[in-house]
Amino acid sequence: MVMTIDRLYYFKVVAEELNFTRAAQTCHIAQTAMSRQISMMEKEINCKLLNRSSRNVELTEAGKIFYHEVVSILTQYESAVRKTQEIAHSTFGHLRIGIGQFERSFVSKLIAEFHRLYPQIEITIEQYSYKMLMHNLQIGSIDVAFALPVCTDYFAPHQIESIELFKERLCAYVCSASDLSHLKIIHREDLTGKTFITTSEDDGPCSLAAYMERIQYYRWPVEKVVQANSLVAELLMVEADMGIAVGTACIKDNITQGVTIIPLSDDLYPEDTFSALVRKDRSNVTELFVGGIKTSHTLDEWKTNYLDIL
């Protein structure tokens, strides 16, 4: 018998989807290859596991029993792999994570998931200005940086790996008592004559100069730009109706009832891609965290709950 983990996994997916086309797509193989794998499995164990017709797929009684056993086998296998990796990769190490002002909500989900899997790894989380965040990643003071999309351009491609997390549309933060708060989308004409409040820094990838270049490039009809020295100060100024701010919807959890988040129209700013930035000469512990990011479904769930509802 030449039963493999892959073949067991293919059967599990087919048993859950009850559709060969969807199962093949999930496993990233051709439908004909999926059918062949299941047929070979049935031949190996000399037992019919699935009833197939042109309209549907059903588990036989034997198939139902086999499915539950396969789930148990795969669970034990994944646990064995994880425990082996913990020893092989010395997962009693230290992971140093850096964030800027806007990334807390989605980063917390990833860290919580990783900490549940590897509670013995010490995790340090530090917040910096975006200039210092990029500097500390560059010199190796932190292992992973979660930052605004523009920070990706701070490095040469050979220095870091950029791991795409999700795409997001830029939003406006407006006073809930203002004349803009009832809008579903902010268009160019809605910005005419408005004061913009920004947390842009003095220099670095998120500098005020870079922010002004963005305003000019996308032709935002802004009358005045005012700097706030923190996200908290920026949101307080918006709540006081001293102006509007533009940024990510990631801060939804930080928003009070006095501030409303409204997406910008596509012509005002395209979608941005949020990424995790990781040094290429990274440790085994960091590599373990990177692998978790790439296979995690946590961000998909978070995005559905926090971003897609806007």
C-alpha atoms as a PDB file:
ATOM      1  CA  MET A   1       0.000   0.000   0.000  1.00  0.00           C
ATOM      2  CA  VAL A   2       1.355   3.461  -0.942  1.00  0.00           C
ATOM      3  CA  MET A   3      -1.107   5.676   0.876  1.00  0.00           C
ATOM      4  CA  THR A   4       0.273   9.213   1.338  1.00  0.00           C
ATOM      5  CA  ILE A   5      -0.614  12.202   3.500  1.00  0.00           C
ATOM      6  CA  ASP A   6      -1.457  14.172   0.354  1.00  0.00           C
ATOM      7  CA  ARG A   7      -3.904  11.507  -0.772  1.00  0.00           C
ATOM      8  CA  LEU A   8      -5.565  11.452   2.637  1.00  0.00           C
ATOM      9  CA  TYR A   9      -5.855  15.239   2.507  1.00  0.00           C
ATOM     10  CA  TYR A  10      -7.397  15.090  -0.991  1.00  0.00           C
ATOM     11  CA  PHE A  11     -10.015  12.642   0.258  1.00  0.00           C
ATOM     12  CA  LYS A  12     -10.780  14.853   3.266  1.00  0.00           C
ATOM     13  CA  VAL A  13     -11.392  17.872   1.022  1.00  0.00           C
ATOM     14  CA  VAL A  14     -13.596  15.915  -1.388  1.00  0.00           C
ATOM     15  CA  ALA A  15     -15.568  14.484   1.537  1.00  0.00           C
ATOM     16  CA  GLU A  16     -16.187  18.002   2.870  1.00  0.00           C
ATOM     17  CA  GLU A  17     -16.896  19.698  -0.450  1.00  0.00           C
ATOM     18  CA  LEU A  18     -18.808  16.794  -2.031  1.00  0.00           C
ATOM     19  CA  ASN A  19     -17.763  18.344  -5.307  1.00  0.00           C
ATOM     20  CA  PHE A  20     -14.675  17.294  -7.260  1.00  0.00           C
ATOM     21  CA  THR A  21     -14.306  20.635  -9.038  1.00  0.00           C
ATOM     22  CA  ARG A  22     -14.280  22.695  -5.832  1.00  0.00           C
ATOM     23  CA  ALA A  23     -12.060  20.163  -4.078  1.00  0.00           C
ATOM     24  CA  ALA A  24      -9.538  20.255  -6.910  1.00  0.00           C
ATOM     25  CA  GLN A  25      -9.495  24.058  -6.804  1.00  0.00           C
ATOM     26  CA  THR A  26      -8.933  24.024  -3.037  1.00  0.00           C
ATOM     27  CA  CYS A  27      -6.006  21.614  -3.435  1.00  0.00           C
ATOM     28  CA  HIS A  28      -4.634  23.420  -6.501  1.00  0.00           C
ATOM     29  CA  ILE A  29      -4.676  20.336  -8.733  1.00  0.00           C
ATOM     30  CA  ALA A  30      -6.608  19.398 -11.865  1.00  0.00           C
ATOM     31  CA  GLN A  31     -10.029  17.800 -11.456  1.00  0.00           C
ATOM     32  CA  THR A  32      -8.893  14.733 -13.407  1.00  0.00           C
ATOM     33  CA  ALA A  33      -5.938  14.345 -11.041  1.00  0.00           C
ATOM     34  CA  MET A  34      -8.254  14.582  -8.040  1.00  0.00           C
ATOM     35  CA  SER A  35     -10.556  11.888  -9.443  1.00  0.00           C
ATOM     36  CA  ARG A  36      -7.561   9.661 -10.146  1.00  0.00           C
ATOM     37  CA  GLN A  37      -6.219  10.078  -6.606  1.00  0.00           C
ATOM     38  CA  ILE A  38      -9.545   9.088  -5.051  1.00  0.00           C
ATOM     39  CA  SER A  39      -9.928   6.119  -7.390  1.00  0.00           C
ATOM     40  CA  MET A  40      -6.424   4.910  -6.503  1.00  0.00           C
ATOM     41  CA  MET A  41      -7.271   5.254  -2.814  1.00  0.00           C
ATOM     42  CA  GLU A  42     -10.439   3.164  -3.208  1.00  0.00           C
ATOM     43  CA  LYS A  43      -8.436   0.550  -5.095  1.00  0.00           C
ATOM     44  CA  GLU A  44      -5.749   0.443  -2.401  1.00  0.00           C
ATOM     45  CA  ILE A  45      -8.186  -0.168   0.433  1.00  0.00           C
ATOM     46  CA  ASN A  46     -10.520  -2.265  -1.735  1.00  0.00           C
ATOM     47  CA  CYS A  47     -13.534  -0.280  -0.636  1.00  0.00           C
ATOM     48  CA  LYS A  48     -15.913   2.176  -2.309  1.00  0.00           C
ATOM     49  CA  LEU A  49     -15.802   5.487  -0.434  1.00  0.00           C
ATOM     50  CA  LEU A  50     -17.873   7.766  -2.666  1.00  0.00           C
ATOM     51  CA  ASN A  51     -20.976   7.392  -4.771  1.00  0.00           C
ATOM     52  CA  ARG A  52     -20.590   9.560  -7.872  1.00  0.00           C
ATOM     53  CA  SER A  53     -23.199  10.640 -10.360  1.00  0.00           C
ATOM     54  CA  SER A  54     -23.404  13.411 -12.937  1.00  0.00           C
ATOM     55  CA  ARG A  55     -25.291  15.526 -10.414  1.00  0.00           C
ATOM     56  CA  ASN A  56     -23.780  14.898  -7.014  1.00  0.00           C
ATOM     57  CA  VAL A  57     -21.200  13.150  -4.871  1.00  0.00           C
ATOM     58  CA  GLU A  58     -22.049  11.329  -1.663  1.00  0.00           C
ATOM     59  CA  LEU A  59     -20.066   9.463   0.950  1.00  0.00           C
ATOM     60  CA  THR A  60     -20.840   5.791   1.341  1.00  0.00           C
ATOM     61  CA  GLU A  61     -21.299   4.471   4.862  1.00  0.00           C
ATOM     62  CA  ALA A  62     -17.748   3.146   4.698  1.00  0.00           C
ATOM     63  CA  GLY A  63     -16.648   6.529   3.363  1.00  0.00           C
ATOM     64  CA  LYS A  64     -18.161   8.322   6.367  1.00  0.00           C
ATOM     65  CA  ILE A  65     -16.226   6.126   8.787  1.00  0.00           C
ATOM     66  CA  PHE A  66     -13.049   6.503   6.758  1.00  0.00           C
ATOM     67  CA  TYR A  67     -13.486  10.293   6.704  1.00  0.00           C
ATOM     68  CA  HIS A  68     -13.594  10.567  10.502  1.00  0.00           C
ATOM     69  CA  GLU A  69     -10.493   8.383  10.821  1.00  0.00           C
ATOM     70  CA  VAL A  70      -8.665  10.426   8.169  1.00  0.00           C
ATOM     71  CA  VAL A  71      -9.452  13.691   9.998  1.00  0.00           C
ATOM     72  CA  SER A  72      -7.961  12.196  13.155  1.00  0.00           C
ATOM     73  CA  ILE A  73      -4.851  11.005  11.287  1.00  0.00           C
ATOM     74  CA  LEU A  74      -4.282  14.402   9.661  1.00  0.00           C
ATOM     75  CA  THR A  75      -4.749  16.209  12.973  1.00  0.00           C
ATOM     76  CA  GLN A  76      -2.163  13.955  14.614  1.00  0.00           C
ATOM     77  CA  TYR A  77       0.187  14.422  11.664  1.00  0.00           C
ATOM     78  CA  GLU A  78      -0.062  18.234  11.848  1.00  0.00           C
ATOM     79  CA  SER A  79       0.577  18.097  15.583  1.00  0.00           C
ATOM     80  CA  ALA A  80       3.608  15.855  15.052  1.00  0.00           C
ATOM     81  CA  VAL A  81       5.014  18.214  12.402  1.00  0.00           C
ATOM     82  CA  ARG A  82       4.506  21.254  14.620  1.00  0.00           C
ATOM     83  CA  LYS A  83       6.183  19.603  17.635  1.00  0.00           C
ATOM     84  CA  THR A  84       9.063  18.440  15.449  1.00  0.00           C
ATOM     85  CA  GLN A  85       9.507  21.941  14.046  1.00  0.00           C
ATOM     86  CA  GLU A  86       9.549  23.359  17.561  1.00  0.00           C
ATOM     87  CA  ILE A  87      12.567  21.209  18.379  1.00  0.00           C
ATOM     88  CA  ALA A  88      14.275  21.563  15.003  1.00  0.00           C
ATOM     89  CA  HIS A  89      13.856  25.316  14.889  1.00  0.00           C
ATOM     90  CA  SER A  90      14.675  25.960  18.552  1.00  0.00           C
ATOM     91  CA  THR A  91      11.328  27.591  19.162  1.00  0.00           C
ATOM     92  CA  PHE A  92      12.245  28.585  22.674  1.00  0.00           C
ATOM     93  CA  GLY A  93      13.645  31.754  21.123  1.00  0.00           C
ATOM     94  CA  HIS A  94      12.647  35.400  20.968  1.00  0.00           C
ATOM     95  CA  LEU A  95      10.524  37.147  18.322  1.00  0.00           C
ATOM     96  CA  ARG A  96      10.759  40.949  18.132  1.00  0.00           C
ATOM     97  CA  ILE A  97       7.846  42.662  16.374  1.00  0.00           C
ATOM     98  CA  GLY A  98       7.565  46.333  15.503  1.00  0.00           C
ATOM     99  CA  ILE A  99       4.456  48.322  14.564  1.00  0.00           C
ATOM    100  CA  GLY A 100       3.596  51.901  13.673  1.00  0.00           C
ATOM    101  CA  GLN A 101       0.465  53.810  14.706  1.00  0.00           C
ATOM    102  CA  PHE A 102      -2.184  52.045  12.636  1.00  0.00           C
ATOM    103  CA  GLU A 103      -1.521  48.308  12.702  1.00  0.00           C
ATOM    104  CA  ARG A 104      -2.542  47.160  16.198  1.00  0.00           C
ATOM    105  CA  SER A 105      -5.905  45.590  15.409  1.00  0.00           C
ATOM    106  CA  PHE A 106      -4.885  43.140  12.700  1.00  0.00           C
ATOM    107  CA  VAL A 107      -1.423  42.439  14.115  1.00  0.00           C
ATOM    108  CA  SER A 108      -2.927  41.427  17.458  1.00  0.00           C
ATOM    109  CA  LYS A 109      -4.896  38.656  15.738  1.00  0.00           C
ATOM    110  CA  LEU A 110      -1.784  37.206  14.095  1.00  0.00           C
ATOM    111  CA  ILE A 111       0.277  37.387  17.273  1.00  0.00           C
ATOM    112  CA  ALA A 112      -2.477  35.775  19.333  1.00  0.00           C
ATOM    113  CA  GLU A 113      -2.688  32.893  16.880  1.00  0.00           C
ATOM    114  CA  PHE A 114       1.088  32.405  16.896  1.00  0.00           C
ATOM    115  CA  HIS A 115       1.278  32.626  20.699  1.00  0.00           C
ATOM    116  CA  ARG A 116      -1.375  29.909  21.060  1.00  0.00           C
ATOM    117  CA  LEU A 117       0.702  27.589  18.871  1.00  0.00           C
ATOM    118  CA  TYR A 118       4.097  28.451  20.401  1.00  0.00           C
ATOM    119  CA  PRO A 119       3.551  29.752  23.958  1.00  0.00           C
ATOM    120  CA  GLN A 120       7.193  29.068  24.846  1.00  0.00           C
ATOM    121  CA  ILE A 121       8.482  31.689  22.382  1.00  0.00           C
ATOM    122  CA  GLU A 122       9.089  35.076  23.993  1.00  0.00           C
ATOM    123  CA  ILE A 123       7.417  37.839  21.978  1.00  0.00           C
ATOM    124  CA  THR A 124       8.333  41.511  22.255  1.00  0.00           C
ATOM    125  CA  ILE A 125       6.105  44.132  20.599  1.00  0.00           C
ATOM    126  CA  GLU A 126       7.282  47.721  20.264  1.00  0.00           C
ATOM    127  CA  GLN A 127       5.742  50.778  18.614  1.00  0.00           C
ATOM    128  CA  TYR A 128       7.835  53.323  16.723  1.00  0.00           C
ATOM    129  CA  SER A 129       7.562  56.190  14.317  1.00  0.00           C
ATOM    130  CA  TYR A 130       7.619  54.774  10.804  1.00  0.00           C
ATOM    131  CA  LYS A 131      11.103  56.149  10.210  1.00  0.00           C
ATOM    132  CA  MET A 132      12.450  54.410  13.332  1.00  0.00           C
ATOM    133  CA  LEU A 133      10.446  51.274  12.541  1.00  0.00           C
ATOM    134  CA  MET A 134      12.189  50.939   9.185  1.00  0.00           C
ATOM    135  CA  HIS A 135      15.562  51.828  10.705  1.00  0.00           C
ATOM    136  CA  ASN A 136      15.243  49.190  13.432  1.00  0.00           C
ATOM    137  CA  LEU A 137      14.285  46.538  10.911  1.00  0.00           C
ATOM    138  CA  GLN A 138      17.252  47.529   8.773  1.00  0.00           C
ATOM    139  CA  ILE A 139      19.768  47.191  11.623  1.00  0.00           C
ATOM    140  CA  GLY A 140      18.154  44.029  13.021  1.00  0.00           C
ATOM    141  CA  SER A 141      16.736  45.437  16.265  1.00  0.00           C
ATOM    142  CA  ILE A 142      13.380  43.942  15.285  1.00  0.00           C
ATOM    143  CA  ASP A 143      12.617  40.816  13.255  1.00  0.00           C
ATOM    144  CA  VAL A 144       9.287  41.748  11.684  1.00  0.00           C
ATOM    145  CA  ALA A 145       7.768  45.147  10.926  1.00  0.00           C
ATOM    146  CA  PHE A 146       4.080  45.779  10.279  1.00  0.00           C
ATOM    147  CA  ALA A 147       3.765  49.166   8.655  1.00  0.00           C
ATOM    148  CA  LEU A 148       1.811  51.290   6.214  1.00  0.00           C
ATOM    149  CA  PRO A 149       2.090  50.217   2.554  1.00  0.00           C
ATOM    150  CA  VAL A 150       4.310  53.160   1.601  1.00  0.00           C
ATOM    151  CA  CYS A 151       7.055  51.834   3.894  1.00  0.00           C
ATOM    152  CA  THR A 152       7.694  48.920   1.539  1.00  0.00           C
ATOM    153  CA  ASP A 153       9.426  51.334  -0.849  1.00  0.00           C
ATOM    154  CA  TYR A 154      11.986  52.178   1.851  1.00  0.00           C
ATOM    155  CA  PHE A 155      14.046  49.044   1.142  1.00  0.00           C
ATOM    156  CA  ALA A 156      15.778  47.517  -1.837  1.00  0.00           C
ATOM    157  CA  PRO A 157      14.230  44.163  -2.873  1.00  0.00           C
ATOM    158  CA  HIS A 158      17.310  42.178  -1.785  1.00  0.00           C
ATOM    159  CA  GLN A 159      17.078  43.495   1.784  1.00  0.00           C
ATOM    160  CA  ILE A 160      13.648  42.315   2.862  1.00  0.00           C
ATOM    161  CA  GLU A 161      10.782  40.034   1.974  1.00  0.00           C
ATOM    162  CA  SER A 162       7.415  41.751   1.734  1.00  0.00           C
ATOM    163  CA  ILE A 163       4.576  39.393   2.677  1.00  0.00           C
ATOM    164  CA  GLU A 164       1.202  40.590   1.412  1.00  0.00           C
ATOM    165  CA  LEU A 165      -1.478  40.532   4.098  1.00  0.00           C
ATOM    166  CA  PHE A 166      -4.539  42.163   2.535  1.00  0.00           C
ATOM    167  CA  LYS A 167      -5.638  44.966   0.257  1.00  0.00           C
ATOM    168  CA  GLU A 168      -7.547  47.914   1.634  1.00  0.00           C
ATOM    169  CA  ARG A 169      -9.207  51.035   0.361  1.00  0.00           C
ATOM    170  CA  LEU A 170      -8.175  54.332   1.931  1.00  0.00           C
ATOM    171  CA  CYS A 171     -10.853  56.010   4.079  1.00  0.00           C
ATOM    172  CA  ALA A 172     -11.707  59.446   5.404  1.00  0.00           C
ATOM    173  CA  TYR A 173     -12.202  60.055   9.128  1.00  0.00           C
ATOM    174  CA  VAL A 174     -14.884  62.711   9.551  1.00  0.00           C
ATOM    175  CA  CYS A 175     -16.729  64.246  12.489  1.00  0.00           C
ATOM    176  CA  SER A 176     -19.968  62.341  13.047  1.00  0.00           C
ATOM    177  CA  ALA A 177     -21.774  65.677  13.410  1.00  0.00           C
ATOM    178  CA  SER A 178     -20.392  67.085  10.136  1.00  0.00           C
ATOM    179  CA  ASP A 179     -22.144  67.405   6.793  1.00  0.00           C
ATOM    180  CA  LEU A 180     -20.007  64.558   5.387  1.00  0.00           C
ATOM    181  CA  SER A 181     -20.946  61.885   7.924  1.00  0.00           C
ATOM    182  CA  HIS A 182     -24.061  60.733   6.035  1.00  0.00           C
ATOM    183  CA  LEU A 183     -22.110  59.888   2.859  1.00  0.00           C
ATOM    184  CA  LYS A 184     -21.405  56.289   1.813  1.00  0.00           C
ATOM    185  CA  ILE A 185     -18.350  57.258  -0.268  1.00  0.00           C
ATOM    186  CA  ILE A 186     -16.222  60.405  -0.265  1.00  0.00           C
ATOM    187  CA  HIS A 187     -15.792  61.918  -3.748  1.00  0.00           C
ATOM    188  CA  ARG A 188     -13.366  64.593  -4.910  1.00  0.00           C
ATOM    189  CA  GLU A 189     -15.879  67.431  -4.670  1.00  0.00           C
ATOM    190  CA  ASP A 190     -16.562  66.513  -1.018  1.00  0.00           C
ATOM    191  CA  LEU A 191     -12.979  67.481  -0.128  1.00  0.00           C
ATOM    192  CA  THR A 192     -13.163  70.977  -1.581  1.00  0.00           C
ATOM    193  CA  GLY A 193     -12.052  73.594   0.920  1.00  0.00           C
ATOM    194  CA  LYS A 194     -11.537  71.077   3.740  1.00  0.00           C
ATOM    195  CA  THR A 195      -8.739  71.159   6.293  1.00  0.00           C
ATOM    196  CA  PHE A 196      -6.741  67.926   6.388  1.00  0.00           C
ATOM    197  CA  ILE A 197      -5.292  66.625   9.638  1.00  0.00           C
ATOM    198  CA  THR A 198      -2.346  64.250   9.359  1.00  0.00           C
ATOM    199  CA  THR A 199       0.013  62.337  11.644  1.00  0.00           C
ATOM    200  CA  SER A 200       2.750  62.575   9.006  1.00  0.00           C
ATOM    201  CA  GLU A 201       6.246  62.620  10.490  1.00  0.00           C
ATOM    202  CA  ASP A 202       9.007  65.161   9.926  1.00  0.00           C
ATOM    203  CA  ASP A 203      10.933  62.806   7.646  1.00  0.00           C
ATOM    204  CA  GLY A 204      11.149  59.168   6.606  1.00  0.00           C
ATOM    205  CA  PRO A 205       8.735  57.089   4.504  1.00  0.00           C
ATOM    206  CA  CYS A 206       5.643  58.734   6.033  1.00  0.00           C
ATOM    207  CA  SER A 207       6.872  62.326   6.026  1.00  0.00           C
ATOM    208  CA  LEU A 208       4.768  65.425   5.585  1.00  0.00           C
ATOM    209  CA  ALA A 209       6.576  66.083   2.295  1.00  0.00           C
ATOM    210  CA  ALA A 210       5.543  62.641   1.001  1.00  0.00           C
ATOM    211  CA  TYR A 211       1.973  63.314   2.148  1.00  0.00           C
ATOM    212  CA  MET A 212       1.867  66.613   0.273  1.00  0.00           C
ATOM    213  CA  GLU A 213       3.171  64.882  -2.856  1.00  0.00           C
ATOM    214  CA  ARG A 214       0.312  62.400  -2.568  1.00  0.00           C
ATOM    215  CA  ILE A 215      -2.223  65.218  -2.288  1.00  0.00           C
ATOM    216  CA  GLN A 216      -0.821  66.885  -5.400  1.00  0.00           C
ATOM    217  CA  TYR A 217      -0.551  63.648  -7.371  1.00  0.00           C
ATOM    218  CA  TYR A 218      -4.163  62.637  -6.730  1.00  0.00           C
ATOM    219  CA  ARG A 219      -5.387  66.243  -7.008  1.00  0.00           C
ATOM    220  CA  TRP A 220      -7.173  66.436  -3.685  1.00  0.00           C
ATOM    221  CA  PRO A 221      -8.784  69.913  -3.433  1.00  0.00           C
ATOM    222  CA  VAL A 222      -7.419  70.555   0.045  1.00  0.00           C
ATOM    223  CA  GLU A 223      -7.390  74.064   1.487  1.00  0.00           C
ATOM    224  CA  LYS A 224      -5.091  73.485   4.473  1.00  0.00           C
ATOM    225  CA  VAL A 225      -2.997  70.727   6.086  1.00  0.00           C
ATOM    226  CA  VAL A 226      -2.466  70.520   9.859  1.00  0.00           C
ATOM    227  CA  GLN A 227      -0.113  68.078  11.615  1.00  0.00           C
ATOM    228  CA  ALA A 228      -1.047  66.114  14.736  1.00  0.00           C
ATOM    229  CA  ASN A 229       1.684  64.388  16.709  1.00  0.00           C
ATOM    230  CA  SER A 230      -0.236  61.140  17.308  1.00  0.00           C
ATOM    231  CA  LEU A 231      -3.205  59.126  16.114  1.00  0.00           C
ATOM    232  CA  VAL A 232      -5.054  59.947  19.343  1.00  0.00           C
ATOM    233  CA  ALA A 233      -4.568  63.687  18.770  1.00  0.00           C
ATOM    234  CA  GLU A 234      -5.592  63.363  15.117  1.00  0.00           C
ATOM    235  CA  LEU A 235      -8.866  61.612  16.003  1.00  0.00           C
ATOM    236  CA  LEU A 236      -9.633  64.136  18.760  1.00  0.00           C
ATOM    237  CA  MET A 237      -9.209  66.963  16.260  1.00  0.00           C
ATOM    238  CA  VAL A 238     -11.508  65.199  13.789  1.00  0.00           C
ATOM    239  CA  GLU A 239     -14.100  64.606  16.508  1.00  0.00           C
ATOM    240  CA  ALA A 240     -13.947  68.334  17.313  1.00  0.00           C
ATOM    241  CA  ASP A 241     -14.728  69.008  13.624  1.00  0.00           C
ATOM    242  CA  MET A 242     -11.429  70.825  13.106  1.00  0.00           C
ATOM    243  CA  GLY A 243     -10.920  69.008   9.818  1.00  0.00           C
ATOM    244  CA  ILE A 244     -10.884  65.541   8.256  1.00  0.00           C
ATOM    245  CA  ALA A 245      -8.164  62.900   8.124  1.00  0.00           C
ATOM    246  CA  VAL A 246      -7.370  60.199   5.610  1.00  0.00           C
ATOM    247  CA  GLY A 247      -6.025  56.787   6.522  1.00  0.00           C
ATOM    248  CA  THR A 248      -6.665  53.113   6.953  1.00  0.00           C
ATOM    249  CA  ALA A 249      -9.829  51.417   8.176  1.00  0.00           C
ATOM    250  CA  CYS A 250      -7.582  49.256  10.370  1.00  0.00           C
ATOM    251  CA  ILE A 251      -8.113  51.695  13.244  1.00  0.00           C
ATOM    252  CA  LYS A 252     -11.831  50.983  13.412  1.00  0.00           C
ATOM    253  CA  ASP A 253     -11.465  49.688  16.983  1.00  0.00           C
ATOM    254  CA  ASN A 254      -9.878  52.995  18.029  1.00  0.00           C
ATOM    255  CA  ILE A 255     -12.744  55.103  16.692  1.00  0.00           C
ATOM    256  CA  THR A 256     -15.202  56.754  19.080  1.00  0.00           C
ATOM    257  CA  GLN A 257     -18.835  57.501  18.253  1.00  0.00           C
ATOM    258  CA  GLY A 258     -17.797  61.044  17.432  1.00  0.00           C
ATOM    259  CA  VAL A 259     -15.821  59.918  14.355  1.00  0.00           C
ATOM    260  CA  THR A 260     -17.183  58.219  11.231  1.00  0.00           C
ATOM    261  CA  ILE A 261     -15.078  56.243   8.715  1.00  0.00           C
ATOM    262  CA  ILE A 262     -16.070  56.594   5.047  1.00  0.00           C
ATOM    263  CA  PRO A 263     -14.231  54.977   2.080  1.00  0.00           C
ATOM    264  CA  LEU A 264     -12.686  57.243  -0.554  1.00  0.00           C
ATOM    265  CA  SER A 265     -13.792  56.841  -4.161  1.00  0.00           C
ATOM    266  CA  ASP A 266     -11.436  54.889  -6.436  1.00  0.00           C
ATOM    267  CA  ASP A 267     -10.333  57.997  -8.346  1.00  0.00           C
ATOM    268  CA  LEU A 268      -9.117  59.644  -5.141  1.00  0.00           C
ATOM    269  CA  TYR A 269      -6.784  56.810  -4.182  1.00  0.00           C
ATOM    270  CA  PRO A 270      -6.350  53.184  -5.333  1.00  0.00           C
ATOM    271  CA  GLU A 271      -6.321  50.167  -3.073  1.00  0.00           C
ATOM    272  CA  ASP A 272      -3.259  49.798  -0.874  1.00  0.00           C
ATOM    273  CA  THR A 273      -1.577  46.506   0.012  1.00  0.00           C
ATOM    274  CA  PHE A 274      -0.656  46.001   3.657  1.00  0.00           C
ATOM    275  CA  SER A 275       2.420  43.830   4.149  1.00  0.00           C
ATOM    276  CA  ALA A 276       4.658  42.387   6.804  1.00  0.00           C
ATOM    277  CA  LEU A 277       8.295  43.300   6.207  1.00  0.00           C
ATOM    278  CA  VAL A 278      10.871  40.691   7.226  1.00  0.00           C
ATOM    279  CA  ARG A 279      14.653  40.612   6.964  1.00  0.00           C
ATOM    280  CA  LYS A 280      15.893  37.975   4.521  1.00  0.00           C
ATOM    281  CA  ASP A 281      18.673  36.916   6.923  1.00  0.00           C
ATOM    282  CA  ARG A 282      16.135  35.890   9.543  1.00  0.00           C
ATOM    283  CA  SER A 283      16.196  33.466  12.461  1.00  0.00           C
ATOM    284  CA  ASN A 284      14.410  30.113  12.665  1.00  0.00           C
ATOM    285  CA  VAL A 285      11.842  31.591  15.044  1.00  0.00           C
ATOM    286  CA  THR A 286      11.097  34.429  12.624  1.00  0.00           C
ATOM    287  CA  GLU A 287      10.818  31.903   9.788  1.00  0.00           C
ATOM    288  CA  LEU A 288       8.256  30.010  11.856  1.00  0.00           C
ATOM    289  CA  PHE A 289       6.237  33.215  12.323  1.00  0.00           C
ATOM    290  CA  VAL A 290       6.477  34.005   8.596  1.00  0.00           C
ATOM    291  CA  GLY A 291       5.190  30.530   7.770  1.00  0.00           C
ATOM    292  CA  GLY A 292       2.261  31.108  10.117  1.00  0.00           C
ATOM    293  CA  ILE A 293       1.392  34.395   8.412  1.00  0.00           C
ATOM    294  CA  LYS A 294       1.407  32.793   4.982  1.00  0.00           C
ATOM    295  CA  THR A 295      -0.957  29.977   5.980  1.00  0.00           C
ATOM    296  CA  SER A 296      -3.181  31.844   8.437  1.00  0.00           C
ATOM    297  CA  HIS A 297      -6.899  32.375   7.846  1.00  0.00           C
ATOM    298  CA  THR A 298      -7.062  34.843  10.740  1.00  0.00           C
ATOM    299  CA  LEU A 299      -6.636  37.884   8.505  1.00  0.00           C
ATOM    300  CA  ASP A 300      -9.409  36.741   6.165  1.00  0.00           C
ATOM    301  CA  GLU A 301     -11.793  36.527   9.112  1.00  0.00           C
ATOM    302  CA  TRP A 302     -10.617  39.863  10.507  1.00  0.00           C
ATOM    303  CA  LYS A 303     -10.971  41.586   7.136  1.00  0.00           C
ATOM    304  CA  THR A 304     -14.533  40.268   6.750  1.00  0.00           C
ATOM    305  CA  ASN A 305     -15.490  41.502  10.213  1.00  0.00           C
ATOM    306  CA  TYR A 306     -13.719  44.869  10.219  1.00  0.00           C
ATOM    307  CA  LEU A 307     -13.045  46.050   6.680  1.00  0.00           C
ATOM    308  CA  ASP A 308     -15.645  44.593   4.352  1.00  0.00           C
ATOM    309  CA  ILE A 309     -18.496  46.030   6.408  1.00  0.00           C
ATOM    310  CA  LEU A 310     -17.487  49.594   5.526  1.00  0.00           C
END
